[in-house]
Amino acid sequence: MGALLPVGSGPDKEIVDRLNQLFSGTDLATLRRHHQREKLFNDRHRLGRVAFRIGAYPVQDYPGDDAKRKWFYFLHHELPQATHKKIKEILTDAMTRTSIRAVKFSVEENSVANHPHLFPSDIEDLPKYLNLAGNTYLVHLVVPAPMSDQAEDPPTDPDPDEQSIAWAKLKLKRPVFRGQGKRKTAKKPAKKSAKKSKRY
């Protein structure tokens, strides 16, 4: 969500969509199960490393824009510590409170902002980030401008206590087209036994 391009298009839209997918439905359920074994969002885990492990980064090709590496630079260098801490606090609560159905991410460009921060701020109590129904966290990031061309590789060195995440496998059923069901084998006609000629 780091204003990689004009907000709402390109890599920005891709990462927002990816985050919203990961923190809802079956993917959220998978992360919750994993959280029981490894606290993904505690102080010993870097947000950039977790993002890399769960696939929360742009994967499409954007000519002239190294979107993936810029995203990891943003998480490591441009996201303020207070914002980093509050996002992890929100995600930790979402891992443990089953009444939370999803975490929804969005981004807004505002030139008045001095640095990236959450709306309304980075120091609100957790209920302030909930929707009106109280069942969805709204992580709305305000950024002052699109990012520069600074980039870095995603972190490949592990955080303490890392364990592999058991994502649900997609089960595909082979489609059956007309005329492709079980073929009925035609019954072979019974062989007629040759009549023995009577001897006179």
N, C-alpha and C. Protein backbone atom coordinates (compact mmCIF):
# COMPACT_ATOMS: atom_id res chain seq x y z
N MET A 1 0.80 -1.20 0.00
CA MET A 1 0.00 0.00 0.00
C MET A 1 0.85 1.26 0.00
N GLY A 2 2.09 1.21 -0.30
CA GLY A 2 2.97 2.34 -0.10
C GLY A 2 3.02 3.36 -1.20
N ALA A 3 1.87 3.69 -1.81
CA ALA A 3 1.84 4.71 -2.85
C ALA A 3 2.91 4.47 -3.90
N LEU A 4 3.00 3.23 -4.37
CA LEU A 4 4.04 2.88 -5.34
C LEU A 4 3.81 3.61 -6.66
N LEU A 5 2.57 3.77 -7.02
CA LEU A 5 2.15 4.53 -8.19
C LEU A 5 0.99 5.40 -7.70
N PRO A 6 0.38 6.22 -8.58
CA PRO A 6 -0.80 6.97 -8.11
C PRO A 6 -1.78 6.04 -7.41
N VAL A 7 -2.25 6.48 -6.25
CA VAL A 7 -3.07 5.64 -5.38
C VAL A 7 -4.31 5.14 -6.12
N GLY A 8 -4.60 3.85 -5.94
CA GLY A 8 -5.79 3.26 -6.53
C GLY A 8 -5.54 2.58 -7.86
N SER A 9 -4.31 2.58 -8.35
CA SER A 9 -4.02 1.92 -9.61
C SER A 9 -2.71 1.16 -9.49
N GLY A 10 -2.45 0.31 -10.47
CA GLY A 10 -1.17 -0.39 -10.53
C GLY A 10 -0.86 -1.20 -9.29
N PRO A 11 0.39 -1.15 -8.84
CA PRO A 11 0.82 -1.94 -7.69
C PRO A 11 0.03 -1.62 -6.42
N ASP A 12 -0.35 -0.36 -6.24
CA ASP A 12 -1.15 -0.01 -5.05
C ASP A 12 -2.40 -0.86 -4.98
N LYS A 13 -3.14 -0.91 -6.08
CA LYS A 13 -4.38 -1.68 -6.10
C LYS A 13 -4.11 -3.16 -5.91
N GLU A 14 -3.03 -3.64 -6.52
CA GLU A 14 -2.72 -5.07 -6.40
C GLU A 14 -2.42 -5.47 -4.96
N ILE A 15 -1.60 -4.67 -4.26
CA ILE A 15 -1.26 -5.06 -2.89
C ILE A 15 -2.44 -4.91 -1.96
N VAL A 16 -3.29 -3.89 -2.17
CA VAL A 16 -4.49 -3.73 -1.35
C VAL A 16 -5.41 -4.93 -1.54
N ASP A 17 -5.63 -5.33 -2.80
CA ASP A 17 -6.49 -6.48 -3.07
C ASP A 17 -5.92 -7.75 -2.45
N ARG A 18 -4.60 -7.91 -2.54
CA ARG A 18 -3.97 -9.11 -1.99
C ARG A 18 -4.10 -9.16 -0.47
N LEU A 19 -3.87 -8.04 0.19
CA LEU A 19 -4.01 -7.98 1.64
C LEU A 19 -5.45 -8.27 2.07
N ASN A 20 -6.40 -7.70 1.36
CA ASN A 20 -7.80 -7.93 1.70
C ASN A 20 -8.20 -9.39 1.52
N GLN A 21 -7.59 -10.06 0.55
CA GLN A 21 -7.84 -11.48 0.37
C GLN A 21 -7.24 -12.30 1.51
N LEU A 22 -6.00 -11.98 1.86
CA LEU A 22 -5.31 -12.76 2.89
C LEU A 22 -5.96 -12.64 4.26
N PHE A 23 -6.56 -11.50 4.55
CA PHE A 23 -7.12 -11.29 5.89
C PHE A 23 -8.64 -11.34 5.88
N SER A 24 -9.16 -12.30 5.13
CA SER A 24 -10.58 -12.59 5.13
C SER A 24 -10.79 -14.03 4.70
N GLY A 25 -11.94 -14.57 4.98
CA GLY A 25 -12.31 -15.90 4.50
C GLY A 25 -11.38 -17.01 4.93
N THR A 26 -11.12 -17.94 4.02
CA THR A 26 -10.33 -19.13 4.35
C THR A 26 -8.87 -18.79 4.64
N ASP A 27 -8.34 -17.75 3.99
CA ASP A 27 -6.95 -17.36 4.25
C ASP A 27 -6.79 -16.83 5.67
N LEU A 28 -7.76 -16.05 6.11
CA LEU A 28 -7.72 -15.57 7.50
C LEU A 28 -7.80 -16.74 8.47
N ALA A 29 -8.64 -17.71 8.17
CA ALA A 29 -8.76 -18.90 9.02
C ALA A 29 -7.42 -19.64 9.08
N THR A 30 -6.73 -19.74 7.96
CA THR A 30 -5.42 -20.40 7.92
C THR A 30 -4.42 -19.65 8.79
N LEU A 31 -4.39 -18.33 8.67
CA LEU A 31 -3.46 -17.53 9.47
C LEU A 31 -3.78 -17.63 10.95
N ARG A 32 -5.04 -17.73 11.29
CA ARG A 32 -5.43 -17.87 12.71
C ARG A 32 -4.95 -19.21 13.26
N ARG A 33 -5.10 -20.26 12.48
CA ARG A 33 -4.62 -21.57 12.95
C ARG A 33 -3.11 -21.54 13.14
N HIS A 34 -2.42 -20.90 12.20
CA HIS A 34 -0.96 -20.82 12.30
C HIS A 34 -0.55 -19.97 13.51
N HIS A 35 -1.32 -18.95 13.81
CA HIS A 35 -1.00 -18.05 14.92
C HIS A 35 -0.96 -18.81 16.25
N GLN A 36 -1.69 -19.91 16.34
CA GLN A 36 -1.68 -20.69 17.57
C GLN A 36 -0.31 -21.33 17.81
N ARG A 37 0.45 -21.53 16.75
CA ARG A 37 1.78 -22.13 16.86
C ARG A 37 2.91 -21.10 16.81
N GLU A 38 2.70 -20.08 16.00
CA GLU A 38 3.73 -19.04 15.83
C GLU A 38 3.05 -17.68 15.83
N LYS A 39 3.41 -16.84 16.76
CA LYS A 39 2.80 -15.51 16.85
C LYS A 39 3.40 -14.61 15.77
N LEU A 40 2.74 -14.58 14.62
CA LEU A 40 3.28 -13.90 13.45
C LEU A 40 3.54 -12.41 13.65
N PHE A 41 2.76 -11.78 14.50
CA PHE A 41 2.82 -10.32 14.59
C PHE A 41 3.32 -9.83 15.95
N ASN A 42 4.12 -10.66 16.63
CA ASN A 42 4.67 -10.19 17.89
C ASN A 42 5.94 -9.36 17.64
N ASP A 43 6.59 -8.93 18.70
CA ASP A 43 7.75 -8.03 18.56
C ASP A 43 8.95 -8.70 17.91
N ARG A 44 8.97 -10.02 17.86
CA ARG A 44 10.13 -10.73 17.31
C ARG A 44 10.01 -10.94 15.80
N HIS A 45 8.87 -10.53 15.23
CA HIS A 45 8.65 -10.72 13.81
C HIS A 45 8.58 -9.38 13.09
N ARG A 46 9.31 -9.30 11.98
CA ARG A 46 9.30 -8.09 11.16
C ARG A 46 8.12 -8.14 10.19
N LEU A 47 7.46 -7.00 10.03
CA LEU A 47 6.30 -6.95 9.15
C LEU A 47 6.69 -7.29 7.71
N GLY A 48 7.85 -6.81 7.28
CA GLY A 48 8.31 -7.11 5.93
C GLY A 48 8.57 -8.58 5.72
N ARG A 49 9.13 -9.24 6.72
CA ARG A 49 9.41 -10.68 6.61
C ARG A 49 8.10 -11.47 6.57
N VAL A 50 7.13 -11.09 7.40
CA VAL A 50 5.84 -11.77 7.39
C VAL A 50 5.15 -11.57 6.05
N ALA A 51 5.21 -10.34 5.52
CA ALA A 51 4.61 -10.06 4.22
C ALA A 51 5.21 -10.95 3.14
N PHE A 52 6.51 -11.14 3.20
CA PHE A 52 7.18 -12.00 2.22
C PHE A 52 6.72 -13.45 2.37
N ARG A 53 6.60 -13.92 3.59
CA ARG A 53 6.23 -15.32 3.83
C ARG A 53 4.80 -15.63 3.41
N ILE A 54 3.88 -14.70 3.60
CA ILE A 54 2.47 -14.98 3.29
C ILE A 54 2.10 -14.54 1.87
N GLY A 55 3.05 -13.95 1.15
CA GLY A 55 2.77 -13.54 -0.22
C GLY A 55 2.06 -12.22 -0.34
N ALA A 56 2.25 -11.33 0.62
CA ALA A 56 1.59 -10.03 0.61
C ALA A 56 2.49 -9.00 -0.07
N TYR A 57 2.60 -9.08 -1.39
CA TYR A 57 3.41 -8.15 -2.16
C TYR A 57 2.99 -8.23 -3.63
N PRO A 58 3.31 -7.19 -4.41
CA PRO A 58 2.93 -7.20 -5.83
C PRO A 58 3.72 -8.27 -6.59
N VAL A 59 3.05 -8.96 -7.50
CA VAL A 59 3.72 -10.00 -8.30
C VAL A 59 3.64 -9.71 -9.80
N GLN A 60 2.79 -8.79 -10.19
CA GLN A 60 2.67 -8.49 -11.61
C GLN A 60 3.84 -7.62 -12.09
N ASP A 61 4.06 -7.63 -13.39
CA ASP A 61 5.12 -6.81 -13.99
C ASP A 61 4.57 -5.43 -14.33
N TYR A 62 5.29 -4.40 -13.90
CA TYR A 62 4.92 -3.03 -14.21
C TYR A 62 6.13 -2.37 -14.89
N PRO A 63 6.04 -2.10 -16.18
CA PRO A 63 7.19 -1.52 -16.91
C PRO A 63 7.72 -0.25 -16.23
N GLY A 64 9.01 -0.25 -15.97
CA GLY A 64 9.63 0.91 -15.35
C GLY A 64 9.38 1.07 -13.88
N ASP A 65 8.79 0.05 -13.23
CA ASP A 65 8.49 0.17 -11.81
C ASP A 65 8.79 -1.17 -11.13
N ASP A 66 9.80 -1.19 -10.29
CA ASP A 66 10.17 -2.40 -9.55
C ASP A 66 9.28 -2.49 -8.31
N ALA A 67 8.01 -2.79 -8.55
CA ALA A 67 6.98 -2.67 -7.51
C ALA A 67 7.25 -3.54 -6.29
N LYS A 68 7.62 -4.78 -6.52
CA LYS A 68 7.83 -5.70 -5.39
C LYS A 68 8.92 -5.19 -4.46
N ARG A 69 10.07 -4.82 -5.02
CA ARG A 69 11.20 -4.39 -4.20
C ARG A 69 10.94 -3.02 -3.56
N LYS A 70 10.17 -2.17 -4.23
CA LYS A 70 9.80 -0.88 -3.64
C LYS A 70 8.87 -1.06 -2.45
N TRP A 71 8.00 -2.06 -2.55
CA TRP A 71 7.08 -2.35 -1.45
C TRP A 71 7.86 -2.76 -0.21
N PHE A 72 8.87 -3.60 -0.37
CA PHE A 72 9.65 -4.03 0.79
C PHE A 72 10.53 -2.90 1.32
N TYR A 73 10.97 -2.02 0.46
CA TYR A 73 11.69 -0.84 0.94
C TYR A 73 10.76 0.03 1.79
N PHE A 74 9.53 0.17 1.31
CA PHE A 74 8.55 0.97 2.06
C PHE A 74 8.32 0.39 3.46
N LEU A 75 8.10 -0.93 3.54
CA LEU A 75 7.84 -1.56 4.83
C LEU A 75 9.03 -1.42 5.78
N HIS A 76 10.24 -1.48 5.22
CA HIS A 76 11.44 -1.47 6.04
C HIS A 76 11.88 -0.07 6.44
N HIS A 77 11.76 0.88 5.50
CA HIS A 77 12.38 2.19 5.73
C HIS A 77 11.39 3.36 5.87
N GLU A 78 10.25 3.28 5.20
CA GLU A 78 9.36 4.44 5.18
C GLU A 78 8.18 4.33 6.12
N LEU A 79 7.80 3.13 6.49
CA LEU A 79 6.69 2.97 7.42
C LEU A 79 7.18 3.30 8.83
N PRO A 80 6.66 4.35 9.45
CA PRO A 80 7.15 4.75 10.78
C PRO A 80 6.95 3.64 11.81
N GLN A 81 7.78 3.64 12.83
CA GLN A 81 7.73 2.60 13.84
C GLN A 81 6.38 2.57 14.54
N ALA A 82 5.79 3.75 14.78
CA ALA A 82 4.49 3.79 15.47
C ALA A 82 3.40 3.15 14.60
N THR A 83 3.47 3.39 13.30
CA THR A 83 2.49 2.79 12.38
C THR A 83 2.71 1.29 12.28
N HIS A 84 3.97 0.91 12.16
CA HIS A 84 4.35 -0.50 12.13
C HIS A 84 3.82 -1.24 13.36
N LYS A 85 3.99 -0.66 14.52
CA LYS A 85 3.56 -1.28 15.77
C LYS A 85 2.05 -1.39 15.85
N LYS A 86 1.33 -0.34 15.42
CA LYS A 86 -0.12 -0.36 15.51
C LYS A 86 -0.73 -1.37 14.53
N ILE A 87 -0.16 -1.47 13.34
CA ILE A 87 -0.66 -2.47 12.39
C ILE A 87 -0.50 -3.87 12.95
N LYS A 88 0.64 -4.15 13.56
CA LYS A 88 0.86 -5.47 14.16
C LYS A 88 -0.09 -5.71 15.33
N GLU A 89 -0.40 -4.67 16.07
CA GLU A 89 -1.34 -4.79 17.18
C GLU A 89 -2.74 -5.14 16.67
N ILE A 90 -3.15 -4.47 15.59
CA ILE A 90 -4.45 -4.75 14.99
C ILE A 90 -4.51 -6.18 14.46
N LEU A 91 -3.46 -6.60 13.75
CA LEU A 91 -3.45 -7.94 13.16
C LEU A 91 -3.39 -9.02 14.23
N THR A 92 -2.68 -8.76 15.32
CA THR A 92 -2.64 -9.72 16.42
C THR A 92 -4.02 -9.91 17.01
N ASP A 93 -4.76 -8.81 17.19
CA ASP A 93 -6.11 -8.92 17.74
C ASP A 93 -7.03 -9.66 16.77
N ALA A 94 -6.84 -9.42 15.48
CA ALA A 94 -7.65 -10.12 14.49
C ALA A 94 -7.37 -11.62 14.48
N MET A 95 -6.16 -12.02 14.89
CA MET A 95 -5.82 -13.44 14.95
C MET A 95 -6.52 -14.15 16.10
N THR A 96 -6.88 -13.42 17.13
CA THR A 96 -7.39 -14.05 18.35
C THR A 96 -8.87 -13.82 18.61
N ARG A 97 -9.45 -12.80 18.01
CA ARG A 97 -10.87 -12.51 18.24
C ARG A 97 -11.70 -13.04 17.09
N THR A 98 -12.45 -14.09 17.35
CA THR A 98 -13.24 -14.72 16.28
C THR A 98 -14.42 -13.85 15.83
N SER A 99 -14.76 -12.85 16.61
CA SER A 99 -15.84 -11.94 16.19
C SER A 99 -15.39 -11.04 15.03
N ILE A 100 -14.09 -10.95 14.82
CA ILE A 100 -13.56 -10.16 13.70
C ILE A 100 -13.63 -11.01 12.44
N ARG A 101 -14.39 -10.55 11.46
CA ARG A 101 -14.58 -11.33 10.23
C ARG A 101 -13.52 -11.04 9.18
N ALA A 102 -12.89 -9.86 9.26
CA ALA A 102 -11.90 -9.51 8.23
C ALA A 102 -11.11 -8.28 8.66
N VAL A 103 -9.99 -8.09 8.00
CA VAL A 103 -9.23 -6.84 8.09
C VAL A 103 -9.20 -6.26 6.69
N LYS A 104 -9.70 -5.05 6.53
CA LYS A 104 -9.77 -4.41 5.22
C LYS A 104 -8.74 -3.29 5.15
N PHE A 105 -7.95 -3.30 4.07
CA PHE A 105 -6.89 -2.32 3.90
C PHE A 105 -7.27 -1.32 2.81
N SER A 106 -6.81 -0.09 2.98
CA SER A 106 -7.00 0.95 1.96
C SER A 106 -5.90 1.99 2.13
N VAL A 107 -5.73 2.82 1.12
CA VAL A 107 -4.67 3.82 1.16
C VAL A 107 -5.19 5.12 0.58
N GLU A 108 -4.69 6.22 1.10
CA GLU A 108 -5.10 7.55 0.66
C GLU A 108 -3.85 8.43 0.53
N GLU A 109 -3.77 9.16 -0.57
CA GLU A 109 -2.67 10.10 -0.74
C GLU A 109 -3.12 11.48 -0.27
N ASN A 110 -2.36 12.09 0.63
CA ASN A 110 -2.70 13.40 1.17
C ASN A 110 -1.40 14.19 1.36
N SER A 111 -1.22 15.21 0.55
CA SER A 111 0.03 15.97 0.57
C SER A 111 0.22 16.73 1.87
N VAL A 112 -0.81 16.89 2.66
CA VAL A 112 -0.70 17.59 3.95
C VAL A 112 0.04 16.73 4.97
N ALA A 113 -0.03 15.40 4.80
CA ALA A 113 0.62 14.49 5.75
C ALA A 113 2.14 14.63 5.67
N ASN A 114 2.78 14.61 6.83
CA ASN A 114 4.24 14.70 6.87
C ASN A 114 4.91 13.35 6.66
N HIS A 115 4.19 12.29 6.97
CA HIS A 115 4.74 10.94 6.87
C HIS A 115 3.57 9.97 6.81
N PRO A 116 3.80 8.72 6.41
CA PRO A 116 2.72 7.73 6.41
C PRO A 116 2.19 7.51 7.83
N HIS A 117 0.88 7.35 7.94
CA HIS A 117 0.27 7.05 9.25
C HIS A 117 -1.11 6.46 9.03
N LEU A 118 -1.63 5.81 10.07
CA LEU A 118 -2.98 5.27 10.01
C LEU A 118 -4.00 6.37 10.26
N PHE A 119 -5.19 6.18 9.73
CA PHE A 119 -6.29 7.10 10.02
C PHE A 119 -7.12 6.50 11.15
N PRO A 120 -7.50 7.31 12.15
CA PRO A 120 -7.24 8.74 12.27
C PRO A 120 -5.82 9.07 12.77
N SER A 121 -5.18 8.13 13.46
CA SER A 121 -3.79 8.33 13.90
C SER A 121 -3.23 6.98 14.29
N ASP A 122 -1.96 6.97 14.69
CA ASP A 122 -1.31 5.72 15.09
C ASP A 122 -1.46 5.40 16.57
N ILE A 123 -2.16 6.23 17.31
CA ILE A 123 -2.20 6.05 18.77
C ILE A 123 -3.62 5.83 19.30
N GLU A 124 -4.54 5.46 18.42
CA GLU A 124 -5.93 5.24 18.86
C GLU A 124 -6.06 3.88 19.54
N ASP A 125 -7.08 3.76 20.38
CA ASP A 125 -7.42 2.45 20.94
C ASP A 125 -7.97 1.58 19.81
N LEU A 126 -7.82 0.28 19.95
CA LEU A 126 -8.22 -0.64 18.88
C LEU A 126 -9.65 -0.45 18.38
N PRO A 127 -10.64 -0.23 19.25
CA PRO A 127 -12.01 -0.06 18.74
C PRO A 127 -12.16 1.08 17.73
N LYS A 128 -11.26 2.05 17.75
CA LYS A 128 -11.34 3.19 16.83
C LYS A 128 -11.08 2.76 15.38
N TYR A 129 -10.48 1.59 15.19
CA TYR A 129 -10.17 1.12 13.84
C TYR A 129 -11.21 0.14 13.32
N LEU A 130 -12.27 -0.09 14.09
CA LEU A 130 -13.31 -1.02 13.68
C LEU A 130 -14.38 -0.31 12.85
N ASN A 131 -15.07 -1.09 12.00
CA ASN A 131 -16.21 -0.54 11.28
C ASN A 131 -17.40 -0.38 12.24
N LEU A 132 -18.49 0.15 11.74
CA LEU A 132 -19.64 0.43 12.60
C LEU A 132 -20.22 -0.84 13.21
N ALA A 133 -20.16 -1.93 12.46
CA ALA A 133 -20.69 -3.21 12.97
C ALA A 133 -19.76 -3.83 14.00
N GLY A 134 -18.53 -3.35 14.08
CA GLY A 134 -17.58 -3.87 15.06
C GLY A 134 -17.00 -5.22 14.72
N ASN A 135 -17.12 -5.65 13.45
CA ASN A 135 -16.62 -6.98 13.09
C ASN A 135 -15.51 -6.97 12.04
N THR A 136 -15.07 -5.77 11.63
CA THR A 136 -14.02 -5.66 10.62
C THR A 136 -13.07 -4.53 10.99
N TYR A 137 -11.78 -4.83 11.00
CA TYR A 137 -10.79 -3.78 11.21
C TYR A 137 -10.56 -3.04 9.88
N LEU A 138 -10.46 -1.71 9.96
CA LEU A 138 -10.20 -0.89 8.80
C LEU A 138 -8.81 -0.27 8.94
N VAL A 139 -7.85 -0.81 8.19
CA VAL A 139 -6.49 -0.31 8.23
C VAL A 139 -6.33 0.66 7.06
N HIS A 140 -6.58 1.93 7.33
CA HIS A 140 -6.54 2.96 6.30
C HIS A 140 -5.25 3.76 6.45
N LEU A 141 -4.37 3.61 5.48
CA LEU A 141 -3.06 4.25 5.53
C LEU A 141 -3.07 5.54 4.72
N VAL A 142 -2.59 6.61 5.34
CA VAL A 142 -2.46 7.91 4.67
C VAL A 142 -0.99 8.12 4.33
N VAL A 143 -0.70 8.40 3.05
CA VAL A 143 0.67 8.63 2.62
C VAL A 143 0.77 10.02 2.00
N PRO A 144 1.91 10.70 2.15
CA PRO A 144 2.03 12.07 1.63
C PRO A 144 2.18 12.16 0.11
N ALA A 145 2.77 11.14 -0.52
CA ALA A 145 3.04 11.21 -1.96
C ALA A 145 3.44 9.83 -2.47
N PRO A 146 3.44 9.63 -3.80
CA PRO A 146 3.95 8.37 -4.35
C PRO A 146 5.40 8.17 -3.95
N MET A 147 5.80 6.91 -3.92
CA MET A 147 7.16 6.58 -3.52
C MET A 147 8.18 6.96 -4.58
N SER A 148 9.40 7.15 -4.14
CA SER A 148 10.51 7.33 -5.06
C SER A 148 10.93 5.96 -5.59
N ASP A 149 11.99 5.93 -6.36
CA ASP A 149 12.44 4.67 -6.97
C ASP A 149 13.36 3.85 -6.08
N GLN A 150 13.39 4.11 -4.80
CA GLN A 150 14.24 3.32 -3.90
C GLN A 150 13.62 1.94 -3.69
N ALA A 151 14.46 0.92 -3.66
CA ALA A 151 13.96 -0.45 -3.58
C ALA A 151 14.98 -1.33 -2.89
N GLU A 152 14.53 -2.46 -2.38
CA GLU A 152 15.44 -3.46 -1.80
C GLU A 152 14.80 -4.83 -1.87
N ASP A 153 15.64 -5.86 -1.80
CA ASP A 153 15.14 -7.22 -1.86
C ASP A 153 14.33 -7.56 -0.61
N PRO A 154 13.36 -8.45 -0.73
CA PRO A 154 12.62 -8.88 0.45
C PRO A 154 13.53 -9.61 1.43
N PRO A 155 13.24 -9.54 2.73
CA PRO A 155 14.10 -10.20 3.72
C PRO A 155 13.98 -11.71 3.64
N THR A 156 15.10 -12.37 3.42
CA THR A 156 15.10 -13.84 3.34
C THR A 156 15.65 -14.48 4.61
N ASP A 157 16.27 -13.68 5.50
CA ASP A 157 16.76 -14.24 6.76
C ASP A 157 15.57 -14.42 7.70
N PRO A 158 15.43 -15.59 8.31
CA PRO A 158 14.23 -15.89 9.10
C PRO A 158 14.16 -15.13 10.42
N ASP A 159 12.93 -14.89 10.85
CA ASP A 159 12.68 -14.38 12.19
C ASP A 159 12.73 -15.56 13.17
N PRO A 160 12.85 -15.30 14.46
CA PRO A 160 12.88 -16.40 15.44
C PRO A 160 11.58 -17.22 15.41
N ASP A 161 11.72 -18.51 15.60
CA ASP A 161 10.59 -19.43 15.76
C ASP A 161 9.72 -19.56 14.52
N GLU A 162 10.26 -19.32 13.35
CA GLU A 162 9.44 -19.45 12.14
C GLU A 162 9.05 -20.90 11.91
N GLN A 163 7.80 -21.09 11.46
CA GLN A 163 7.30 -22.40 11.09
C GLN A 163 6.55 -22.25 9.77
N SER A 164 6.55 -23.31 8.99
CA SER A 164 5.88 -23.24 7.68
C SER A 164 4.38 -23.10 7.87
N ILE A 165 3.78 -22.36 6.97
CA ILE A 165 2.33 -22.12 7.03
C ILE A 165 1.62 -23.13 6.16
N ALA A 166 0.65 -23.82 6.73
CA ALA A 166 -0.07 -24.87 6.01
C ALA A 166 -1.29 -24.26 5.33
N TRP A 167 -1.08 -23.75 4.11
CA TRP A 167 -2.20 -23.17 3.36
C TRP A 167 -3.12 -24.27 2.87
N ALA A 168 -4.39 -23.97 2.82
CA ALA A 168 -5.36 -24.95 2.31
C ALA A 168 -5.09 -25.20 0.85
N LYS A 169 -5.11 -26.47 0.46
CA LYS A 169 -4.86 -26.82 -0.93
C LYS A 169 -6.16 -26.71 -1.72
N LEU A 170 -6.04 -26.16 -2.93
CA LEU A 170 -7.20 -26.02 -3.79
C LEU A 170 -7.49 -27.36 -4.45
N LYS A 171 -8.68 -27.87 -4.22
CA LYS A 171 -9.07 -29.15 -4.80
C LYS A 171 -9.86 -28.90 -6.08
N LEU A 172 -9.36 -29.41 -7.17
CA LEU A 172 -10.02 -29.24 -8.46
C LEU A 172 -10.67 -30.54 -8.88
N LYS A 173 -11.89 -30.42 -9.35
CA LYS A 173 -12.57 -31.59 -9.87
C LYS A 173 -12.46 -31.59 -11.39
N ARG A 174 -12.12 -32.72 -11.93
CA ARG A 174 -12.02 -32.82 -13.38
C ARG A 174 -13.41 -32.68 -13.98
N PRO A 175 -13.61 -31.73 -14.91
CA PRO A 175 -14.95 -31.55 -15.49
C PRO A 175 -15.35 -32.75 -16.34
N VAL A 176 -16.62 -33.06 -16.30
CA VAL A 176 -17.15 -34.15 -17.12
C VAL A 176 -17.99 -33.52 -18.21
N PHE A 177 -17.61 -33.70 -19.45
CA PHE A 177 -18.33 -33.14 -20.58
C PHE A 177 -19.34 -34.14 -21.11
N ARG A 178 -20.25 -33.65 -21.87
CA ARG A 178 -21.29 -34.52 -22.42
C ARG A 178 -20.66 -35.65 -23.21
N GLY A 179 -21.14 -36.82 -22.92
CA GLY A 179 -20.62 -37.97 -23.64
C GLY A 179 -19.34 -38.53 -23.07
N GLN A 180 -18.85 -37.89 -21.90
CA GLN A 180 -17.60 -38.35 -21.30
C GLN A 180 -17.80 -39.05 -19.97
N GLY A 181 -19.03 -39.43 -19.69
CA GLY A 181 -19.27 -40.13 -18.44
C GLY A 181 -18.73 -41.55 -18.55
N LYS A 182 -19.23 -42.38 -17.68
CA LYS A 182 -18.80 -43.78 -17.77
C LYS A 182 -19.34 -44.39 -19.05
N ARG A 183 -18.46 -44.86 -19.84
CA ARG A 183 -18.88 -45.46 -21.10
C ARG A 183 -19.42 -46.86 -20.85
N LYS A 184 -20.60 -47.08 -21.39
CA LYS A 184 -21.19 -48.41 -21.25
C LYS A 184 -20.62 -49.31 -22.34
N THR A 185 -20.02 -50.35 -21.91
CA THR A 185 -19.45 -51.28 -22.89
C THR A 185 -20.56 -52.15 -23.46
N ALA A 186 -20.57 -52.19 -24.76
CA ALA A 186 -21.60 -53.00 -25.42
C ALA A 186 -21.38 -54.47 -25.12
N LYS A 187 -22.50 -55.09 -24.80
CA LYS A 187 -22.40 -56.52 -24.48
C LYS A 187 -22.11 -57.31 -25.76
N LYS A 188 -21.12 -58.16 -25.64
CA LYS A 188 -20.80 -59.00 -26.79
C LYS A 188 -21.85 -60.09 -26.93
N PRO A 189 -22.29 -60.31 -28.16
CA PRO A 189 -23.31 -61.37 -28.35
C PRO A 189 -22.74 -62.73 -27.96
N ALA A 190 -23.58 -63.47 -27.28
CA ALA A 190 -23.13 -64.80 -26.83
C ALA A 190 -22.87 -65.69 -28.04
N LYS A 191 -21.77 -66.39 -27.94
CA LYS A 191 -21.42 -67.29 -29.04
C LYS A 191 -22.36 -68.49 -29.03
N LYS A 192 -22.89 -68.73 -30.19
CA LYS A 192 -23.78 -69.88 -30.31
C LYS A 192 -22.92 -71.13 -30.47
N SER A 193 -23.22 -72.09 -29.67
CA SER A 193 -22.47 -73.35 -29.76
C SER A 193 -22.87 -74.08 -31.04
N ALA A 194 -21.88 -74.56 -31.74
CA ALA A 194 -22.15 -75.26 -32.98
C ALA A 194 -22.89 -76.57 -32.69
N LYS A 195 -23.97 -76.80 -33.47
CA LYS A 195 -24.74 -78.01 -33.27
C LYS A 195 -23.97 -79.23 -33.76
N LYS A 196 -23.92 -80.18 -32.88
CA LYS A 196 -23.25 -81.41 -33.30
C LYS A 196 -24.11 -82.20 -34.27
N SER A 197 -23.50 -82.59 -35.31
CA SER A 197 -24.28 -83.34 -36.34
C SER A 197 -24.59 -84.74 -35.79
N LYS A 198 -25.82 -85.11 -36.02
CA LYS A 198 -26.22 -86.42 -35.56
C LYS A 198 -25.68 -87.50 -36.50
N ARG A 199 -25.20 -88.46 -35.91
CA ARG A 199 -24.73 -89.60 -36.73
C ARG A 199 -25.85 -90.62 -36.87
N TYR A 200 -26.06 -91.01 -38.11
CA TYR A 200 -27.09 -92.00 -38.38
C TYR A 200 -26.46 -93.34 -38.64
